[in-house]
């Protein structure tokens, strides 16, 4: 008699959790704490790994060093942002071997509690190098501080990350030699809160639509109750003004949308709704959590989605 995987799970118990018959509940997604249970059973998918590609940090390369084309150079800068009312860090991730002035630019927007460095820590330079070595058209990633809990939108406090992205970042990039398109980014990638911000950014770029948005585990909200619990938005009206799910029709038709989210991610229902209502060009929903392991797994796909749309 052939036994299915579901049948094999029936009757499994997890010692210490006091859960008996875990397999049935997990299969039906009805148990409280099901993500923890699924993780213990190895059902949230494998963690991805950052490629072991060389990265050059800093503005100089030691004399005599041979740096292969495609190797990504990471450089940090400080700018005074009038839109945010503070100094911000901006980081460029530029593949060597192509003049910077010829490279298209993709914004990389960090998640809640993060900053520009978080996108470097996520392995973007290594993933970029690996993609280029595999044949992807070269482009540059740029990350910048957007506020650790801002959701990349203004909250009436003199801090407007979107105004910084639209009005200030292009000029900064042009002064750094990333002059293609006048320093205006052609695409955006966002993780978690950065996914929210990248969608708002796309909506704000109607005059010069960006070519693509890669939203990874986007932190979106299907109701005011969910959004209110994050203690970010002043009131329901402010949330409704910014929430990407309430403005999918405002996304430029010229902008391709890619959505990735793990099925054990609390934002999965909202991500699935986004993909459906916005008619996403690419949507991938495999088992996975809201963590670096999942993001490392899907970043190669997101970069493959972006690269030809930046060229």
Protein backbone atom coordinates (compact mmCIF):
# COMPACT_ATOMS: atom_id res chain seq x y z
CA UNK A 1 0.00 0.00 0.00
CA UNK A 2 1.37 3.42 -0.92
CA UNK A 3 1.43 5.89 1.96
CA UNK A 4 1.28 9.61 1.27
CA UNK A 5 3.45 12.22 2.96
CA UNK A 6 0.33 13.57 4.68
CA UNK A 7 -0.46 10.14 6.12
CA UNK A 8 3.10 9.78 7.36
CA UNK A 9 2.78 13.02 9.29
CA UNK A 10 -0.38 11.95 11.09
CA UNK A 11 0.30 11.02 14.70
CA UNK A 12 3.67 12.79 14.85
CA UNK A 13 4.22 14.40 18.24
CA UNK A 14 6.62 17.18 19.16
CA UNK A 15 8.10 16.71 22.62
CA UNK A 16 8.18 19.90 24.64
CA UNK A 17 5.39 21.55 22.67
CA UNK A 18 2.70 19.24 23.92
CA UNK A 19 1.34 18.91 20.41
CA UNK A 20 0.07 15.52 19.31
CA UNK A 21 -1.03 14.68 15.79
CA UNK A 22 0.91 17.66 14.46
CA UNK A 23 0.91 16.45 10.88
CA UNK A 24 -2.85 16.82 10.45
CA UNK A 25 -2.96 20.36 11.76
CA UNK A 26 0.08 21.43 9.78
CA UNK A 27 -1.32 20.03 6.58
CA UNK A 28 -4.53 21.98 7.10
CA UNK A 29 -2.74 25.11 8.42
CA UNK A 30 -5.03 25.36 11.43
CA UNK A 31 -2.78 24.89 14.45
CA UNK A 32 -1.71 27.89 16.52
CA UNK A 33 2.05 28.35 16.17
CA UNK A 34 2.02 26.31 12.98
CA UNK A 35 5.12 28.08 11.63
CA UNK A 36 7.20 26.84 14.56
CA UNK A 37 5.82 23.35 14.14
CA UNK A 38 6.46 23.34 10.40
CA UNK A 39 10.02 24.55 11.01
CA UNK A 40 10.65 21.69 13.43
CA UNK A 41 9.33 19.26 10.84
CA UNK A 42 11.51 20.78 8.13
CA UNK A 43 8.52 22.03 6.15
CA UNK A 44 9.37 25.74 5.81
CA UNK A 45 11.86 25.19 3.01
CA UNK A 46 15.65 25.28 3.00
CA UNK A 47 17.65 28.36 3.87
CA UNK A 48 19.43 30.01 0.99
CA UNK A 49 23.12 30.87 1.15
CA UNK A 50 25.06 33.94 0.10
CA UNK A 51 27.40 33.10 -2.80
CA UNK A 52 31.10 32.93 -2.00
CA UNK A 53 31.92 35.66 -4.50
CA UNK A 54 34.65 38.24 -3.81
CA UNK A 55 33.55 41.74 -2.82
CA UNK A 56 35.78 44.81 -2.81
CA UNK A 57 35.00 47.13 0.10
CA UNK A 58 36.09 50.74 0.13
CA UNK A 59 37.10 53.27 -2.48
CA UNK A 60 40.55 51.91 -3.27
CA UNK A 61 42.04 48.64 -4.44
CA UNK A 62 45.58 47.76 -3.28
CA UNK A 63 48.22 48.25 -6.01
CA UNK A 64 48.84 45.13 -8.05
CA UNK A 65 45.49 43.58 -7.16
CA UNK A 66 43.81 41.90 -10.09
CA UNK A 67 40.06 42.38 -9.75
CA UNK A 68 38.01 40.27 -12.16
CA UNK A 69 35.28 41.94 -14.16
CA UNK A 70 31.93 41.60 -12.44
CA UNK A 71 33.36 41.69 -8.92
CA UNK A 72 31.21 44.14 -6.98
CA UNK A 73 32.76 47.16 -5.31
CA UNK A 74 30.96 48.46 -2.22
CA UNK A 75 31.43 52.13 -1.28
CA UNK A 76 29.83 54.18 1.49
CA UNK A 77 28.99 57.88 1.43
CA UNK A 78 27.28 60.42 3.69
CA UNK A 79 24.85 63.02 2.38
CA UNK A 80 22.77 65.71 4.06
CA UNK A 81 19.14 64.98 3.20
CA UNK A 82 16.88 68.02 3.38
CA UNK A 83 13.88 65.75 2.82
CA UNK A 84 14.75 63.63 5.86
CA UNK A 85 16.23 66.46 7.93
CA UNK A 86 19.40 64.51 8.75
CA UNK A 87 22.58 62.95 7.46
CA UNK A 88 22.03 59.63 5.71
CA UNK A 89 24.33 56.88 4.54
CA UNK A 90 24.19 55.87 0.90
CA UNK A 91 25.94 52.72 -0.32
CA UNK A 92 26.74 51.88 -3.92
CA UNK A 93 27.27 48.29 -5.08
CA UNK A 94 28.93 48.61 -8.47
CA UNK A 95 30.17 45.69 -10.60
CA UNK A 96 33.68 46.30 -11.90
CA UNK A 97 34.46 45.93 -15.58
CA UNK A 98 31.77 48.35 -16.79
CA UNK A 99 32.12 52.15 -16.61
CA UNK A 100 29.86 53.34 -13.76
CA UNK A 101 28.35 56.00 -16.02
CA UNK A 102 26.98 53.22 -18.25
CA UNK A 103 25.34 51.19 -15.50
CA UNK A 104 21.59 51.29 -14.89
CA UNK A 105 20.65 51.66 -11.23
CA UNK A 106 18.36 49.65 -8.99
CA UNK A 107 17.33 50.97 -5.59
CA UNK A 108 17.54 48.43 -2.76
CA UNK A 109 15.21 49.36 0.10
CA UNK A 110 15.83 47.85 3.52
CA UNK A 111 13.35 46.44 6.00
CA UNK A 112 12.15 47.63 9.38
CA UNK A 113 14.92 48.05 11.95
CA UNK A 114 17.49 48.21 9.18
CA UNK A 115 19.50 50.78 7.25
CA UNK A 116 21.54 50.99 4.07
CA UNK A 117 24.11 48.54 5.46
CA UNK A 118 21.40 45.90 5.94
CA UNK A 119 21.19 45.37 2.20
CA UNK A 120 24.94 44.74 2.03
CA UNK A 121 24.63 42.34 4.96
CA UNK A 122 21.89 40.51 3.05
CA UNK A 123 24.50 39.62 0.43
CA UNK A 124 23.38 41.82 -2.44
CA UNK A 125 26.96 42.45 -3.67
CA UNK A 126 27.68 38.73 -3.83
CA UNK A 127 24.34 37.90 -5.42
CA UNK A 128 24.92 40.65 -8.00
CA UNK A 129 28.39 39.32 -8.86
CA UNK A 130 27.06 35.76 -9.19
CA UNK A 131 24.27 36.91 -11.51
CA UNK A 132 26.64 38.86 -13.76
CA UNK A 133 29.11 35.98 -13.94
CA UNK A 134 26.18 33.79 -14.98
CA UNK A 135 25.42 36.14 -17.88
CA UNK A 136 23.04 38.78 -16.48
CA UNK A 137 23.44 42.31 -17.84
CA UNK A 138 25.43 44.35 -15.30
CA UNK A 139 23.75 47.00 -13.17
CA UNK A 140 24.36 48.76 -9.86
CA UNK A 141 22.50 48.41 -6.60
CA UNK A 142 22.14 51.49 -4.39
CA UNK A 143 20.90 51.41 -0.81
CA UNK A 144 20.21 54.35 1.48
CA UNK A 145 18.96 54.94 5.02
CA UNK A 146 15.18 55.20 4.98
CA UNK A 147 14.35 55.17 8.70
CA UNK A 148 14.16 52.07 10.85
CA UNK A 149 10.36 52.09 11.15
CA UNK A 150 9.24 54.62 8.54
CA UNK A 151 7.75 52.26 5.94
CA UNK A 152 9.54 54.64 3.55
CA UNK A 153 6.77 57.27 3.77
CA UNK A 154 6.38 60.65 5.46
CA UNK A 155 4.66 60.86 8.82
CA UNK A 156 4.34 64.64 9.19
CA UNK A 157 7.54 65.03 11.19
CA UNK A 158 9.78 66.63 8.59
CA UNK A 159 11.09 63.21 7.60
CA UNK A 160 10.05 62.19 4.07
CA UNK A 161 12.01 59.19 2.70
CA UNK A 162 10.05 59.19 -0.56
CA UNK A 163 10.98 62.80 -1.28
CA UNK A 164 14.61 61.83 -0.66
CA UNK A 165 14.38 58.96 -3.15
CA UNK A 166 12.66 60.95 -5.86
CA UNK A 167 14.28 64.39 -5.49
CA UNK A 168 17.69 63.90 -3.88
CA UNK A 169 19.10 60.46 -4.65
CA UNK A 170 19.48 61.02 -8.43
CA UNK A 171 21.66 64.09 -7.89
CA UNK A 172 23.80 62.29 -5.33
CA UNK A 173 24.34 59.36 -7.67
CA UNK A 174 25.24 61.60 -10.59
CA UNK A 175 27.96 63.25 -8.50
CA UNK A 176 29.35 59.77 -7.75
CA UNK A 177 29.64 58.94 -11.44
CA UNK A 178 26.46 56.86 -11.74
CA UNK A 179 25.16 59.20 -14.40
CA UNK A 180 23.07 56.94 -16.62
CA UNK A 181 19.54 58.32 -16.88
CA UNK A 182 20.76 61.34 -14.92
CA UNK A 183 21.26 59.17 -11.85
CA UNK A 184 17.57 58.23 -11.78
CA UNK A 185 17.08 54.59 -10.73
CA UNK A 186 15.38 52.40 -13.29
CA UNK A 187 14.07 49.75 -10.87
CA UNK A 188 13.62 48.97 -7.20
CA UNK A 189 13.99 45.95 -4.96
CA UNK A 190 12.55 45.95 -1.47
CA UNK A 191 12.57 43.44 1.37
CA UNK A 192 9.78 43.48 3.98
CA UNK A 193 9.19 47.16 4.87
CA UNK A 194 11.31 47.93 1.82
CA UNK A 195 8.76 46.06 -0.29
CA UNK A 196 6.12 48.50 0.93
CA UNK A 197 8.46 51.40 0.13
CA UNK A 198 9.39 50.14 -3.32
CA UNK A 199 5.72 49.96 -4.31
CA UNK A 200 5.09 53.49 -3.05
CA UNK A 201 8.18 54.63 -4.97
CA UNK A 202 6.87 53.04 -8.17
CA UNK A 203 3.57 54.85 -7.67
CA UNK A 204 5.42 58.14 -7.24
CA UNK A 205 7.38 57.68 -10.46
CA UNK A 206 4.49 58.11 -12.89
CA UNK A 207 6.33 60.82 -14.88
CA UNK A 208 9.30 58.49 -15.50
CA UNK A 209 7.98 55.02 -14.69
CA UNK A 210 10.48 52.54 -13.34
CA UNK A 211 10.82 49.39 -15.38
CA UNK A 212 10.42 46.87 -12.56
CA UNK A 213 9.78 46.31 -8.86
CA UNK A 214 10.91 43.21 -7.00
CA UNK A 215 8.91 42.98 -3.76
CA UNK A 216 10.30 40.30 -1.45
CA UNK A 217 8.18 39.39 1.59
CA UNK A 218 6.48 42.80 1.27
CA UNK A 219 5.14 44.09 4.58
CA UNK A 220 1.64 45.02 3.45
CA UNK A 221 -1.61 45.19 5.38
CA UNK A 222 -5.03 43.98 4.35
CA UNK A 223 -6.82 45.90 7.13
CA UNK A 224 -6.38 48.91 9.39
CA UNK A 225 -6.32 46.59 12.38
CA UNK A 226 -3.23 44.84 11.07
CA UNK A 227 -1.52 48.11 10.19
CA UNK A 228 -2.41 49.75 13.51
CA UNK A 229 -0.73 46.93 15.41
CA UNK A 230 2.62 47.96 13.86
CA UNK A 231 2.41 51.35 15.61
CA UNK A 232 3.78 53.17 12.59
CA UNK A 233 0.87 55.08 11.08
CA UNK A 234 -0.69 58.00 12.97
CA UNK A 235 -4.23 57.02 12.02
CA UNK A 236 -6.27 55.08 9.52
CA UNK A 237 -6.33 57.96 7.03
CA UNK A 238 -2.54 58.10 6.92
CA UNK A 239 -2.33 54.36 6.36
CA UNK A 240 -4.95 54.42 3.61
CA UNK A 241 -3.02 57.17 1.84
CA UNK A 242 0.11 55.05 1.61
CA UNK A 243 -0.91 51.37 1.71
CA UNK A 244 0.09 49.81 -1.66
CA UNK A 245 -2.78 47.32 -1.58
CA UNK A 246 -5.23 50.22 -1.68
CA UNK A 247 -3.55 51.81 -4.70
CA UNK A 248 -2.65 48.98 -7.06
CA UNK A 249 -4.42 50.75 -9.92
CA UNK A 250 -1.96 53.63 -9.55
CA UNK A 251 1.04 51.46 -10.41
CA UNK A 252 2.27 52.44 -13.89
CA UNK A 253 1.38 49.85 -16.49
CA UNK A 254 4.96 50.05 -17.78
CA UNK A 255 6.31 48.75 -14.47
CA UNK A 256 6.78 44.97 -14.25
CA UNK A 257 6.02 43.57 -10.80
CA UNK A 258 7.64 40.55 -9.20
CA UNK A 259 6.43 39.23 -5.81
CA UNK A 260 8.10 36.60 -3.64
CA UNK A 261 6.82 35.51 -0.23
CA UNK A 262 7.00 32.41 1.95
CA UNK A 263 3.79 30.65 2.85
CA UNK A 264 4.72 30.70 6.55
CA UNK A 265 5.30 34.46 6.44
CA UNK A 266 2.63 36.48 8.30
CA UNK A 267 2.52 38.79 5.26
CA UNK A 268 1.77 35.95 2.84
CA UNK A 269 -2.00 36.66 2.49
CA UNK A 270 -1.28 40.31 1.69
CA UNK A 271 1.49 39.40 -0.77
CA UNK A 272 -0.81 36.95 -2.55
CA UNK A 273 -3.49 39.65 -2.75
CA UNK A 274 -0.96 42.06 -4.24
CA UNK A 275 0.14 39.58 -6.88
CA UNK A 276 -3.46 38.89 -7.89
CA UNK A 277 -4.89 42.40 -7.90
CA UNK A 278 -1.82 44.02 -9.47
CA UNK A 279 -1.47 41.25 -12.09
CA UNK A 280 2.14 40.58 -11.15
CA UNK A 281 4.46 39.62 -13.98
CA UNK A 282 6.11 37.08 -11.68
CA UNK A 283 4.77 35.67 -8.41
CA UNK A 284 6.46 32.93 -6.41
CA UNK A 285 5.01 31.53 -3.19
CA UNK A 286 6.92 28.61 -1.78
CA UNK A 287 7.21 27.48 1.81
CA UNK A 288 9.36 29.87 3.81
CA UNK A 289 9.43 32.34 6.67
CA UNK A 290 10.01 36.06 7.06
CA UNK A 291 13.75 35.73 7.57
CA UNK A 292 17.16 35.94 5.95
CA UNK A 293 17.18 32.25 5.10
CA UNK A 294 14.17 32.70 2.83
CA UNK A 295 15.44 35.97 1.35
CA UNK A 296 18.79 34.41 0.47
CA UNK A 297 16.89 31.63 -1.28
CA UNK A 298 14.85 33.93 -3.53
CA UNK A 299 17.24 36.84 -4.16
CA UNK A 300 18.83 35.08 -7.16
CA UNK A 301 15.38 34.79 -8.78
CA UNK A 302 14.61 38.44 -8.01
CA UNK A 303 17.88 39.59 -9.59
CA UNK A 304 17.24 37.45 -12.67
CA UNK A 305 13.83 39.13 -12.89
CA UNK A 306 15.32 42.62 -12.62
CA UNK A 307 18.49 42.42 -14.73
CA UNK A 308 17.00 42.21 -18.26
CA UNK A 309 14.48 44.92 -17.39
CA UNK A 310 17.29 47.27 -16.40
CA UNK A 311 19.42 46.81 -19.51
